Amino acid sequence: MQKPITLFKALSDETRLRIVLLLKNDAMCVCEMTDMLHVSQPKLSKHLTKLKDLGFIHNYRQGRYMMYALSVDGFFNAVLEQTLQELKDDEVVKTDLSRISSCRVEGKSV
């Protein structure tokens, strides 16, 4: 019972929900996410740390970038997939997802 409670508490914050919906598409670095979400780097880092501590995301180094990606978890991914379907017409989500190609760091292969 604790796993779903922890997940829903984590996703009850709009910024954390937006982060995981972006990471559902691909791994990203902090600079890309700050551009896409229009949030400060300290605020984003706080939310990334929370998600990482809960085991929902992980990070790894790629060159000079610290990349963040979703952790593999069937329950978590199922909830995200359903959430994305429910929010597919939400203006904030559509805007975030449309920024993915324009905000990717030039010259960085992900």
PDB file of N, CA and C in Angstrom:
ATOM      1  N   MET A   1       0.817  -1.202   0.000  1.00  0.00           N
ATOM      2  CA  MET A   1       0.000   0.000   0.000  1.00  0.00           C
ATOM      3  C   MET A   1       0.863   1.268   0.000  1.00  0.00           C
ATOM      4  N   GLN A   2       2.082   1.176   0.545  1.00  0.00           N
ATOM      5  CA  GLN A   2       2.922   2.372   0.660  1.00  0.00           C
ATOM      6  C   GLN A   2       3.398   2.888  -0.696  1.00  0.00           C
ATOM      7  N   LYS A   3       3.691   1.995  -1.633  1.00  0.00           N
ATOM      8  CA  LYS A   3       4.214   2.407  -2.932  1.00  0.00           C
ATOM      9  C   LYS A   3       3.254   3.345  -3.678  1.00  0.00           C
ATOM     10  N   PRO A   4       1.971   3.002  -3.806  1.00  0.00           N
ATOM     11  CA  PRO A   4       1.058   3.934  -4.479  1.00  0.00           C
ATOM     12  C   PRO A   4       0.907   5.264  -3.739  1.00  0.00           C
ATOM     13  N   ILE A   5       0.892   5.222  -2.419  1.00  0.00           N
ATOM     14  CA  ILE A   5       0.762   6.461  -1.649  1.00  0.00           C
ATOM     15  C   ILE A   5       1.959   7.363  -1.913  1.00  0.00           C
ATOM     16  N   THR A   6       3.154   6.794  -1.894  1.00  0.00           N
ATOM     17  CA  THR A   6       4.369   7.557  -2.148  1.00  0.00           C
ATOM     18  C   THR A   6       4.351   8.145  -3.559  1.00  0.00           C
ATOM     19  N   LEU A   7       3.942   7.346  -4.526  1.00  0.00           N
ATOM     20  CA  LEU A   7       3.874   7.806  -5.907  1.00  0.00           C
ATOM     21  C   LEU A   7       2.898   8.961  -6.050  1.00  0.00           C
ATOM     22  N   PHE A   8       1.708   8.819  -5.531  1.00  0.00           N
ATOM     23  CA  PHE A   8       0.703   9.863  -5.709  1.00  0.00           C
ATOM     24  C   PHE A   8       1.061  11.136  -4.950  1.00  0.00           C
ATOM     25  N   LYS A   9       1.707  11.008  -3.809  1.00  0.00           N
ATOM     26  CA  LYS A   9       2.190  12.196  -3.095  1.00  0.00           C
ATOM     27  C   LYS A   9       3.236  12.924  -3.937  1.00  0.00           C
ATOM     28  N   ALA A  10       4.155  12.164  -4.517  1.00  0.00           N
ATOM     29  CA  ALA A  10       5.209  12.772  -5.336  1.00  0.00           C
ATOM     30  C   ALA A  10       4.623  13.482  -6.550  1.00  0.00           C
ATOM     31  N   LEU A  11       3.630  12.871  -7.185  1.00  0.00           N
ATOM     32  CA  LEU A  11       3.055  13.441  -8.398  1.00  0.00           C
ATOM     33  C   LEU A  11       1.993  14.492  -8.112  1.00  0.00           C
ATOM     34  N   SER A  12       1.681  14.721  -6.837  1.00  0.00           N
ATOM     35  CA  SER A  12       0.683  15.738  -6.512  1.00  0.00           C
ATOM     36  C   SER A  12       1.245  17.149  -6.685  1.00  0.00           C
ATOM     37  N   ASP A  13       2.555  17.267  -6.804  1.00  0.00           N
ATOM     38  CA  ASP A  13       3.175  18.557  -7.083  1.00  0.00           C
ATOM     39  C   ASP A  13       3.248  18.757  -8.598  1.00  0.00           C
ATOM     40  N   GLU A  14       2.763  19.893  -9.085  1.00  0.00           N
ATOM     41  CA  GLU A  14       2.695  20.129 -10.528  1.00  0.00           C
ATOM     42  C   GLU A  14       4.067  20.080 -11.197  1.00  0.00           C
ATOM     43  N   THR A  15       5.075  20.650 -10.568  1.00  0.00           N
ATOM     44  CA  THR A  15       6.406  20.645 -11.173  1.00  0.00           C
ATOM     45  C   THR A  15       6.952  19.229 -11.290  1.00  0.00           C
ATOM     46  N   ARG A  16       6.795  18.424 -10.254  1.00  0.00           N
ATOM     47  CA  ARG A  16       7.275  17.034 -10.325  1.00  0.00           C
ATOM     48  C   ARG A  16       6.504  16.246 -11.380  1.00  0.00           C
ATOM     49  N   LEU A  17       5.212  16.471 -11.483  1.00  0.00           N
ATOM     50  CA  LEU A  17       4.427  15.794 -12.510  1.00  0.00           C
ATOM     51  C   LEU A  17       4.911  16.187 -13.903  1.00  0.00           C
ATOM     52  N   ARG A  18       5.161  17.472 -14.111  1.00  0.00           N
ATOM     53  CA  ARG A  18       5.655  17.933 -15.407  1.00  0.00           C
ATOM     54  C   ARG A  18       7.021  17.326 -15.720  1.00  0.00           C
ATOM     55  N   ILE A  19       7.878  17.205 -14.710  1.00  0.00           N
ATOM     56  CA  ILE A  19       9.205  16.605 -14.908  1.00  0.00           C
ATOM     57  C   ILE A  19       9.073  15.163 -15.385  1.00  0.00           C
ATOM     58  N   VAL A  20       8.296  14.364 -14.690  1.00  0.00           N
ATOM     59  CA  VAL A  20       8.218  12.945 -15.070  1.00  0.00           C
ATOM     60  C   VAL A  20       7.523  12.761 -16.416  1.00  0.00           C
ATOM     61  N   LEU A  21       6.578  13.647 -16.752  1.00  0.00           N
ATOM     62  CA  LEU A  21       5.941  13.538 -18.067  1.00  0.00           C
ATOM     63  C   LEU A  21       6.943  13.860 -19.172  1.00  0.00           C
ATOM     64  N   LEU A  22       7.845  14.816 -18.936  1.00  0.00           N
ATOM     65  CA  LEU A  22       8.905  15.087 -19.914  1.00  0.00           C
ATOM     66  C   LEU A  22       9.882  13.915 -20.010  1.00  0.00           C
ATOM     67  N   LEU A  23      10.261  13.376 -18.865  1.00  0.00           N
ATOM     68  CA  LEU A  23      11.220  12.262 -18.867  1.00  0.00           C
ATOM     69  C   LEU A  23      10.621  10.991 -19.445  1.00  0.00           C
ATOM     70  N   LYS A  24       9.305  10.923 -19.529  1.00  0.00           N
ATOM     71  CA  LYS A  24       8.647   9.767 -20.161  1.00  0.00           C
ATOM     72  C   LYS A  24       9.082   9.664 -21.618  1.00  0.00           C
ATOM     73  N   ASN A  25       9.394  10.804 -22.230  1.00  0.00           N
ATOM     74  CA  ASN A  25       9.804  10.834 -23.632  1.00  0.00           C
ATOM     75  C   ASN A  25      11.272  10.492 -23.836  1.00  0.00           C
ATOM     76  N   ASP A  26      12.130  10.982 -22.935  1.00  0.00           N
ATOM     77  CA  ASP A  26      13.572  10.788 -23.134  1.00  0.00           C
ATOM     78  C   ASP A  26      14.315  11.291 -21.903  1.00  0.00           C
ATOM     79  N   ALA A  27      15.545  10.844 -21.736  1.00  0.00           N
ATOM     80  CA  ALA A  27      16.407  11.374 -20.681  1.00  0.00           C
ATOM     81  C   ALA A  27      16.769  12.810 -21.028  1.00  0.00           C
ATOM     82  N   MET A  28      16.941  13.642 -20.001  1.00  0.00           N
ATOM     83  CA  MET A  28      17.258  15.055 -20.227  1.00  0.00           C
ATOM     84  C   MET A  28      18.218  15.549 -19.166  1.00  0.00           C
ATOM     85  N   CYS A  29      18.922  16.623 -19.513  1.00  0.00           N
ATOM     86  CA  CYS A  29      19.789  17.272 -18.537  1.00  0.00           C
ATOM     87  C   CYS A  29      19.016  18.412 -17.863  1.00  0.00           C
ATOM     88  N   VAL A  30      19.571  18.908 -16.773  1.00  0.00           N
ATOM     89  CA  VAL A  30      18.911  19.962 -16.003  1.00  0.00           C
ATOM     90  C   VAL A  30      18.696  21.209 -16.854  1.00  0.00           C
ATOM     91  N   CYS A  31      19.689  21.577 -17.643  1.00  0.00           N
ATOM     92  CA  CYS A  31      19.551  22.800 -18.442  1.00  0.00           C
ATOM     93  C   CYS A  31      18.389  22.703 -19.435  1.00  0.00           C
ATOM     94  N   GLU A  32      18.169  21.538 -20.007  1.00  0.00           N
ATOM     95  CA  GLU A  32      17.042  21.358 -20.922  1.00  0.00           C
ATOM     96  C   GLU A  32      15.718  21.494 -20.181  1.00  0.00           C
ATOM     97  N   MET A  33      15.642  20.864 -19.004  1.00  0.00           N
ATOM     98  CA  MET A  33      14.387  20.918 -18.252  1.00  0.00           C
ATOM     99  C   MET A  33      14.077  22.318 -17.746  1.00  0.00           C
ATOM    100  N   THR A  34      15.102  23.074 -17.346  1.00  0.00           N
ATOM    101  CA  THR A  34      14.829  24.445 -16.898  1.00  0.00           C
ATOM    102  C   THR A  34      14.279  25.279 -18.050  1.00  0.00           C
ATOM    103  N   ASP A  35      14.818  25.081 -19.257  1.00  0.00           N
ATOM    104  CA  ASP A  35      14.314  25.796 -20.432  1.00  0.00           C
ATOM    105  C   ASP A  35      12.875  25.390 -20.757  1.00  0.00           C
ATOM    106  N   MET A  36      12.603  24.112 -20.712  1.00  0.00           N
ATOM    107  CA  MET A  36      11.273  23.620 -21.076  1.00  0.00           C
ATOM    108  C   MET A  36      10.198  23.988 -20.070  1.00  0.00           C
ATOM    109  N   LEU A  37      10.552  23.919 -18.798  1.00  0.00           N
ATOM    110  CA  LEU A  37       9.557  24.136 -17.747  1.00  0.00           C
ATOM    111  C   LEU A  37       9.517  25.580 -17.247  1.00  0.00           C
ATOM    112  N   HIS A  38      10.482  26.383 -17.666  1.00  0.00           N
ATOM    113  CA  HIS A  38      10.574  27.775 -17.213  1.00  0.00           C
ATOM    114  C   HIS A  38      10.579  27.868 -15.697  1.00  0.00           C
ATOM    115  N   VAL A  39      11.441  27.067 -15.073  1.00  0.00           N
ATOM    116  CA  VAL A  39      11.640  27.111 -13.621  1.00  0.00           C
ATOM    117  C   VAL A  39      13.125  27.326 -13.352  1.00  0.00           C
ATOM    118  N   SER A  40      13.432  27.830 -12.174  1.00  0.00           N
ATOM    119  CA  SER A  40      14.831  28.068 -11.830  1.00  0.00           C
ATOM    120  C   SER A  40      15.559  26.746 -11.610  1.00  0.00           C
ATOM    121  N   GLN A  41      16.877  26.779 -11.783  1.00  0.00           N
ATOM    122  CA  GLN A  41      17.681  25.577 -11.587  1.00  0.00           C
ATOM    123  C   GLN A  41      17.609  25.080 -10.147  1.00  0.00           C
ATOM    124  N   PRO A  42      17.665  25.960  -9.132  1.00  0.00           N
ATOM    125  CA  PRO A  42      17.549  25.445  -7.754  1.00  0.00           C
ATOM    126  C   PRO A  42      16.206  24.764  -7.477  1.00  0.00           C
ATOM    127  N   LYS A  43      15.128  25.335  -7.997  1.00  0.00           N
ATOM    128  CA  LYS A  43      13.801  24.727  -7.792  1.00  0.00           C
ATOM    129  C   LYS A  43      13.739  23.365  -8.483  1.00  0.00           C
ATOM    130  N   LEU A  44      14.236  23.304  -9.709  1.00  0.00           N
ATOM    131  CA  LEU A  44      14.223  22.051 -10.446  1.00  0.00           C
ATOM    132  C   LEU A  44      15.073  21.001  -9.738  1.00  0.00           C
ATOM    133  N   SER A  45      16.243  21.389  -9.271  1.00  0.00           N
ATOM    134  CA  SER A  45      17.126  20.447  -8.583  1.00  0.00           C
ATOM    135  C   SER A  45      16.479  19.879  -7.326  1.00  0.00           C
ATOM    136  N   LYS A  46      15.751  20.708  -6.610  1.00  0.00           N
ATOM    137  CA  LYS A  46      15.050  20.243  -5.406  1.00  0.00           C
ATOM    138  C   LYS A  46      14.040  19.148  -5.766  1.00  0.00           C
ATOM    139  N   HIS A  47      13.291  19.366  -6.838  1.00  0.00           N
ATOM    140  CA  HIS A  47      12.296  18.375  -7.249  1.00  0.00           C
ATOM    141  C   HIS A  47      12.953  17.112  -7.808  1.00  0.00           C
ATOM    142  N   LEU A  48      14.043  17.268  -8.554  1.00  0.00           N
ATOM    143  CA  LEU A  48      14.764  16.103  -9.075  1.00  0.00           C
ATOM    144  C   LEU A  48      15.325  15.260  -7.932  1.00  0.00           C
ATOM    145  N   THR A  49      15.856  15.920  -6.922  1.00  0.00           N
ATOM    146  CA  THR A  49      16.379  15.198  -5.762  1.00  0.00           C
ATOM    147  C   THR A  49      15.282  14.406  -5.072  1.00  0.00           C
ATOM    148  N   LYS A  50      14.119  15.006  -4.904  1.00  0.00           N
ATOM    149  CA  LYS A  50      12.987  14.321  -4.268  1.00  0.00           C
ATOM    150  C   LYS A  50      12.593  13.086  -5.089  1.00  0.00           C
ATOM    151  N   LEU A  51      12.454  13.246  -6.391  1.00  0.00           N
ATOM    152  CA  LEU A  51      12.075  12.116  -7.255  1.00  0.00           C
ATOM    153  C   LEU A  51      13.142  11.021  -7.255  1.00  0.00           C
ATOM    154  N   LYS A  52      14.409  11.442  -7.231  1.00  0.00           N
ATOM    155  CA  LYS A  52      15.504  10.467  -7.199  1.00  0.00           C
ATOM    156  C   LYS A  52      15.518   9.722  -5.872  1.00  0.00           C
ATOM    157  N   ASP A  53      15.370  10.441  -4.765  1.00  0.00           N
ATOM    158  CA  ASP A  53      15.357   9.812  -3.445  1.00  0.00           C
ATOM    159  C   ASP A  53      14.228   8.796  -3.308  1.00  0.00           C
ATOM    160  N   LEU A  54      13.112   9.049  -3.989  1.00  0.00           N
ATOM    161  CA  LEU A  54      11.974   8.126  -3.956  1.00  0.00           C
ATOM    162  C   LEU A  54      12.150   6.952  -4.926  1.00  0.00           C
ATOM    163  N   GLY A  55      13.180   7.021  -5.778  1.00  0.00           N
ATOM    164  CA  GLY A  55      13.458   5.928  -6.707  1.00  0.00           C
ATOM    165  C   GLY A  55      12.701   5.999  -8.019  1.00  0.00           C
ATOM    166  N   PHE A  56      12.063   7.130  -8.305  1.00  0.00           N
ATOM    167  CA  PHE A  56      11.288   7.243  -9.541  1.00  0.00           C
ATOM    168  C   PHE A  56      12.142   7.647 -10.732  1.00  0.00           C
ATOM    169  N   ILE A  57      13.266   8.305 -10.459  1.00  0.00           N
ATOM    170  CA  ILE A  57      14.195   8.666 -11.531  1.00  0.00           C
ATOM    171  C   ILE A  57      15.617   8.317 -11.082  1.00  0.00           C
ATOM    172  N   HIS A  58      16.528   8.295 -12.037  1.00  0.00           N
ATOM    173  CA  HIS A  58      17.943   8.108 -11.735  1.00  0.00           C
ATOM    174  C   HIS A  58      18.732   9.070 -12.611  1.00  0.00           C
ATOM    175  N   ASN A  59      19.988   9.266 -12.253  1.00  0.00           N
ATOM    176  CA  ASN A  59      20.823  10.137 -13.066  1.00  0.00           C
ATOM    177  C   ASN A  59      22.109   9.422 -13.455  1.00  0.00           C
ATOM    178  N   TYR A  60      22.717   9.940 -14.505  1.00  0.00           N
ATOM    179  CA  TYR A  60      23.987   9.409 -14.978  1.00  0.00           C
ATOM    180  C   TYR A  60      24.704  10.520 -15.746  1.00  0.00           C
ATOM    181  N   ARG A  61      26.011  10.424 -15.809  1.00  0.00           N
ATOM    182  CA  ARG A  61      26.795  11.433 -16.506  1.00  0.00           C
ATOM    183  C   ARG A  61      26.942  11.034 -17.969  1.00  0.00           C
ATOM    184  N   GLN A  62      26.750  12.039 -18.830  1.00  0.00           N
ATOM    185  CA  GLN A  62      26.999  11.859 -20.261  1.00  0.00           C
ATOM    186  C   GLN A  62      27.841  13.048 -20.705  1.00  0.00           C
ATOM    187  N   GLY A  63      29.130  12.808 -20.830  1.00  0.00           N
ATOM    188  CA  GLY A  63      30.038  13.915 -21.135  1.00  0.00           C
ATOM    189  C   GLY A  63      30.046  14.893 -19.976  1.00  0.00           C
ATOM    190  N   ARG A  64      29.766  16.146 -20.270  1.00  0.00           N
ATOM    191  CA  ARG A  64      29.731  17.145 -19.202  1.00  0.00           C
ATOM    192  C   ARG A  64      28.333  17.361 -18.630  1.00  0.00           C
ATOM    193  N   TYR A  65      27.366  16.595 -19.093  1.00  0.00           N
ATOM    194  CA  TYR A  65      25.987  16.752 -18.651  1.00  0.00           C
ATOM    195  C   TYR A  65      25.575  15.666 -17.665  1.00  0.00           C
ATOM    196  N   MET A  66      24.816  16.056 -16.653  1.00  0.00           N
ATOM    197  CA  MET A  66      24.189  15.099 -15.751  1.00  0.00           C
ATOM    198  C   MET A  66      22.787  14.855 -16.310  1.00  0.00           C
ATOM    199  N   MET A  67      22.553  13.644 -16.744  1.00  0.00           N
ATOM    200  CA  MET A  67      21.282  13.289 -17.369  1.00  0.00           C
ATOM    201  C   MET A  67      20.355  12.655 -16.335  1.00  0.00           C
ATOM    202  N   TYR A  68      19.070  12.883 -16.511  1.00  0.00           N
ATOM    203  CA  TYR A  68      18.049  12.286 -15.645  1.00  0.00           C
ATOM    204  C   TYR A  68      17.100  11.481 -16.520  1.00  0.00           C
ATOM    205  N   ALA A  69      16.713  10.318 -16.006  1.00  0.00           N
ATOM    206  CA  ALA A  69      15.814   9.430 -16.742  1.00  0.00           C
ATOM    207  C   ALA A  69      14.877   8.742 -15.754  1.00  0.00           C
ATOM    208  N   LEU A  70      13.763   8.254 -16.271  1.00  0.00           N
ATOM    209  CA  LEU A  70      12.838   7.508 -15.427  1.00  0.00           C
ATOM    210  C   LEU A  70      13.430   6.166 -15.059  1.00  0.00           C
ATOM    211  N   SER A  71      13.173   5.732 -13.858  1.00  0.00           N
ATOM    212  CA  SER A  71      13.557   4.386 -13.443  1.00  0.00           C
ATOM    213  C   SER A  71      12.519   3.405 -13.976  1.00  0.00           C
ATOM    214  N   VAL A  72      12.954   2.204 -14.238  1.00  0.00           N
ATOM    215  CA  VAL A  72      12.046   1.190 -14.775  1.00  0.00           C
ATOM    216  C   VAL A  72      11.228   0.603 -13.634  1.00  0.00           C
ATOM    217  N   ASP A  73       9.934   0.797 -13.710  1.00  0.00           N
ATOM    218  CA  ASP A  73       9.009   0.276 -12.703  1.00  0.00           C
ATOM    219  C   ASP A  73       7.656   0.147 -13.384  1.00  0.00           C
ATOM    220  N   GLY A  74       7.153  -1.049 -13.490  1.00  0.00           N
ATOM    221  CA  GLY A  74       5.903  -1.289 -14.208  1.00  0.00           C
ATOM    222  C   GLY A  74       4.734  -0.489 -13.679  1.00  0.00           C
ATOM    223  N   PHE A  75       4.549  -0.439 -12.369  1.00  0.00           N
ATOM    224  CA  PHE A  75       3.437   0.301 -11.779  1.00  0.00           C
ATOM    225  C   PHE A  75       3.577   1.794 -12.058  1.00  0.00           C
ATOM    226  N   PHE A  76       4.766   2.331 -11.823  1.00  0.00           N
ATOM    227  CA  PHE A  76       5.036   3.750 -12.050  1.00  0.00           C
ATOM    228  C   PHE A  76       4.786   4.117 -13.504  1.00  0.00           C
ATOM    229  N   ASN A  77       5.312   3.311 -14.431  1.00  0.00           N
ATOM    230  CA  ASN A  77       5.127   3.594 -15.857  1.00  0.00           C
ATOM    231  C   ASN A  77       3.670   3.491 -16.286  1.00  0.00           C
ATOM    232  N   ALA A  78       2.931   2.561 -15.719  1.00  0.00           N
ATOM    233  CA  ALA A  78       1.507   2.438 -16.044  1.00  0.00           C
ATOM    234  C   ALA A  78       0.732   3.669 -15.584  1.00  0.00           C
ATOM    235  N   VAL A  79       1.047   4.143 -14.385  1.00  0.00           N
ATOM    236  CA  VAL A  79       0.388   5.351 -13.873  1.00  0.00           C
ATOM    237  C   VAL A  79       0.746   6.554 -14.747  1.00  0.00           C
ATOM    238  N   LEU A  80       2.006   6.674 -15.133  1.00  0.00           N
ATOM    239  CA  LEU A  80       2.413   7.792 -15.990  1.00  0.00           C
ATOM    240  C   LEU A  80       1.736   7.740 -17.346  1.00  0.00           C
ATOM    241  N   GLU A  81       1.662   6.561 -17.916  1.00  0.00           N
ATOM    242  CA  GLU A  81       1.018   6.416 -19.231  1.00  0.00           C
ATOM    243  C   GLU A  81      -0.448   6.837 -19.158  1.00  0.00           C
ATOM    244  N   GLN A  82      -1.150   6.380 -18.128  1.00  0.00           N
ATOM    245  CA  GLN A  82      -2.555   6.753 -17.959  1.00  0.00           C
ATOM    246  C   GLN A  82      -2.699   8.254 -17.695  1.00  0.00           C
ATOM    247  N   THR A  83      -1.791   8.809 -16.898  1.00  0.00           N
ATOM    248  CA  THR A  83      -1.820  10.244 -16.598  1.00  0.00           C
ATOM    249  C   THR A  83      -1.601  11.057 -17.865  1.00  0.00           C
ATOM    250  N   LEU A  84      -0.644  10.635 -18.679  1.00  0.00           N
ATOM    251  CA  LEU A  84      -0.376  11.330 -19.934  1.00  0.00           C
ATOM    252  C   LEU A  84      -1.586  11.275 -20.856  1.00  0.00           C
ATOM    253  N   GLN A  85      -2.254  10.152 -20.914  1.00  0.00           N
ATOM    254  CA  GLN A  85      -3.471  10.046 -21.727  1.00  0.00           C
ATOM    255  C   GLN A  85      -4.561  10.995 -21.234  1.00  0.00           C
ATOM    256  N   GLU A  86      -4.719  11.067 -19.918  1.00  0.00           N
ATOM    257  CA  GLU A  86      -5.740  11.950 -19.336  1.00  0.00           C
ATOM    258  C   GLU A  86      -5.413  13.422 -19.564  1.00  0.00           C
ATOM    259  N   LEU A  87      -4.120  13.753 -19.612  1.00  0.00           N
ATOM    260  CA  LEU A  87      -3.696  15.151 -19.726  1.00  0.00           C
ATOM    261  C   LEU A  87      -3.288  15.549 -21.140  1.00  0.00           C
ATOM    262  N   LYS A  88      -3.538  14.700 -22.118  1.00  0.00           N
ATOM    263  CA  LYS A  88      -3.044  14.977 -23.471  1.00  0.00           C
ATOM    264  C   LYS A  88      -3.602  16.271 -24.063  1.00  0.00           C
ATOM    265  N   ASP A  89      -4.761  16.725 -23.598  1.00  0.00           N
ATOM    266  CA  ASP A  89      -5.336  17.970 -24.099  1.00  0.00           C
ATOM    267  C   ASP A  89      -5.092  19.154 -23.176  1.00  0.00           C
ATOM    268  N   ASP A  90      -4.365  18.929 -22.083  1.00  0.00           N
ATOM    269  CA  ASP A  90      -4.053  20.005 -21.146  1.00  0.00           C
ATOM    270  C   ASP A  90      -3.045  20.954 -21.795  1.00  0.00           C
ATOM    271  N   GLU A  91      -3.323  22.252 -21.730  1.00  0.00           N
ATOM    272  CA  GLU A  91      -2.467  23.232 -22.399  1.00  0.00           C
ATOM    273  C   GLU A  91      -1.040  23.253 -21.850  1.00  0.00           C
ATOM    274  N   VAL A  92      -0.873  23.122 -20.549  1.00  0.00           N
ATOM    275  CA  VAL A  92       0.470  23.131 -19.960  1.00  0.00           C
ATOM    276  C   VAL A  92       1.269  21.926 -20.454  1.00  0.00           C
ATOM    277  N   VAL A  93       0.659  20.761 -20.445  1.00  0.00           N
ATOM    278  CA  VAL A  93       1.341  19.542 -20.900  1.00  0.00           C
ATOM    279  C   VAL A  93       1.669  19.635 -22.389  1.00  0.00           C
ATOM    280  N   LYS A  94       0.729  20.096 -23.184  1.00  0.00           N
ATOM    281  CA  LYS A  94       0.980  20.232 -24.625  1.00  0.00           C
ATOM    282  C   LYS A  94       2.129  21.200 -24.887  1.00  0.00           C
ATOM    283  N   THR A  95       2.164  22.299 -24.144  1.00  0.00           N
ATOM    284  CA  THR A  95       3.243  23.275 -24.308  1.00  0.00           C
ATOM    285  C   THR A  95       4.582  22.670 -23.906  1.00  0.00           C
ATOM    286  N   ASP A  96       4.614  21.993 -22.761  1.00  0.00           N
ATOM    287  CA  ASP A  96       5.857  21.352 -22.317  1.00  0.00           C
ATOM    288  C   ASP A  96       6.370  20.371 -23.358  1.00  0.00           C
ATOM    289  N   LEU A  97       5.501  19.519 -23.848  1.00  0.00           N
ATOM    290  CA  LEU A  97       5.917  18.491 -24.802  1.00  0.00           C
ATOM    291  C   LEU A  97       6.336  19.095 -26.146  1.00  0.00           C
ATOM    292  N   SER A  98       5.711  20.212 -26.530  1.00  0.00           N
ATOM    293  CA  SER A  98       6.081  20.844 -27.800  1.00  0.00           C
ATOM    294  C   SER A  98       7.448  21.508 -27.726  1.00  0.00           C
ATOM    295  N   ARG A  99       7.904  21.826 -26.516  1.00  0.00           N
ATOM    296  CA  ARG A  99       9.210  22.476 -26.347  1.00  0.00           C
ATOM    297  C   ARG A  99      10.373  21.490 -26.428  1.00  0.00           C
ATOM    298  N   ILE A 100      10.105  20.210 -26.413  1.00  0.00           N
ATOM    299  CA  ILE A 100      11.186  19.222 -26.347  1.00  0.00           C
ATOM    300  C   ILE A 100      12.199  19.413 -27.466  1.00  0.00           C
ATOM    301  N   SER A 101      11.765  19.492 -28.707  1.00  0.00           N
ATOM    302  CA  SER A 101      12.728  19.584 -29.810  1.00  0.00           C
ATOM    303  C   SER A 101      13.423  20.930 -29.846  1.00  0.00           C
ATOM    304  N   SER A 102      12.750  22.009 -29.445  1.00  0.00           N
ATOM    305  CA  SER A 102      13.369  23.329 -29.517  1.00  0.00           C
ATOM    306  C   SER A 102      14.328  23.602 -28.366  1.00  0.00           C
ATOM    307  N   CYS A 103      14.224  22.876 -27.275  1.00  0.00           N
ATOM    308  CA  CYS A 103      15.062  23.131 -26.101  1.00  0.00           C
ATOM    309  C   CYS A 103      16.199  22.135 -25.936  1.00  0.00           C
ATOM    310  N   ARG A 104      16.340  21.176 -26.815  1.00  0.00           N
ATOM    311  CA  ARG A 104      17.441  20.221 -26.678  1.00  0.00           C
ATOM    312  C   ARG A 104      18.758  20.962 -26.835  1.00  0.00           C
ATOM    313  N   VAL A 105      19.744  20.580 -26.072  1.00  0.00           N
ATOM    314  CA  VAL A 105      21.049  21.232 -26.111  1.00  0.00           C
ATOM    315  C   VAL A 105      21.714  20.909 -27.444  1.00  0.00           C
ATOM    316  N   GLU A 106      22.094  21.961 -28.172  1.00  0.00           N
ATOM    317  CA  GLU A 106      22.717  21.761 -29.481  1.00  0.00           C
ATOM    318  C   GLU A 106      24.062  21.064 -29.332  1.00  0.00           C
ATOM    319  N   GLY A 107      24.303  20.134 -30.225  1.00  0.00           N
ATOM    320  CA  GLY A 107      25.568  19.433 -30.253  1.00  0.00           C
ATOM    321  C   GLY A 107      25.687  18.318 -29.236  1.00  0.00           C
ATOM    322  N   LYS A 108      24.650  18.076 -28.458  1.00  0.00           N
ATOM    323  CA  LYS A 108      24.700  17.026 -27.447  1.00  0.00           C
ATOM    324  C   LYS A 108      23.875  15.855 -27.952  1.00  0.00           C
ATOM    325  N   SER A 109      24.483  14.718 -28.031  1.00  0.00           N
ATOM    326  CA  SER A 109      23.731  13.534 -28.426  1.00  0.00           C
ATOM    327  C   SER A 109      23.194  12.887 -27.176  1.00  0.00           C
ATOM    328  N   VAL A 110      21.914  12.679 -27.138  1.00  0.00           N
ATOM    329  CA  VAL A 110      21.265  12.068 -25.962  1.00  0.00           C
ATOM    330  C   VAL A 110      20.895  10.660 -26.312  1.00  0.00           C
TER     331      VAL A 110
END
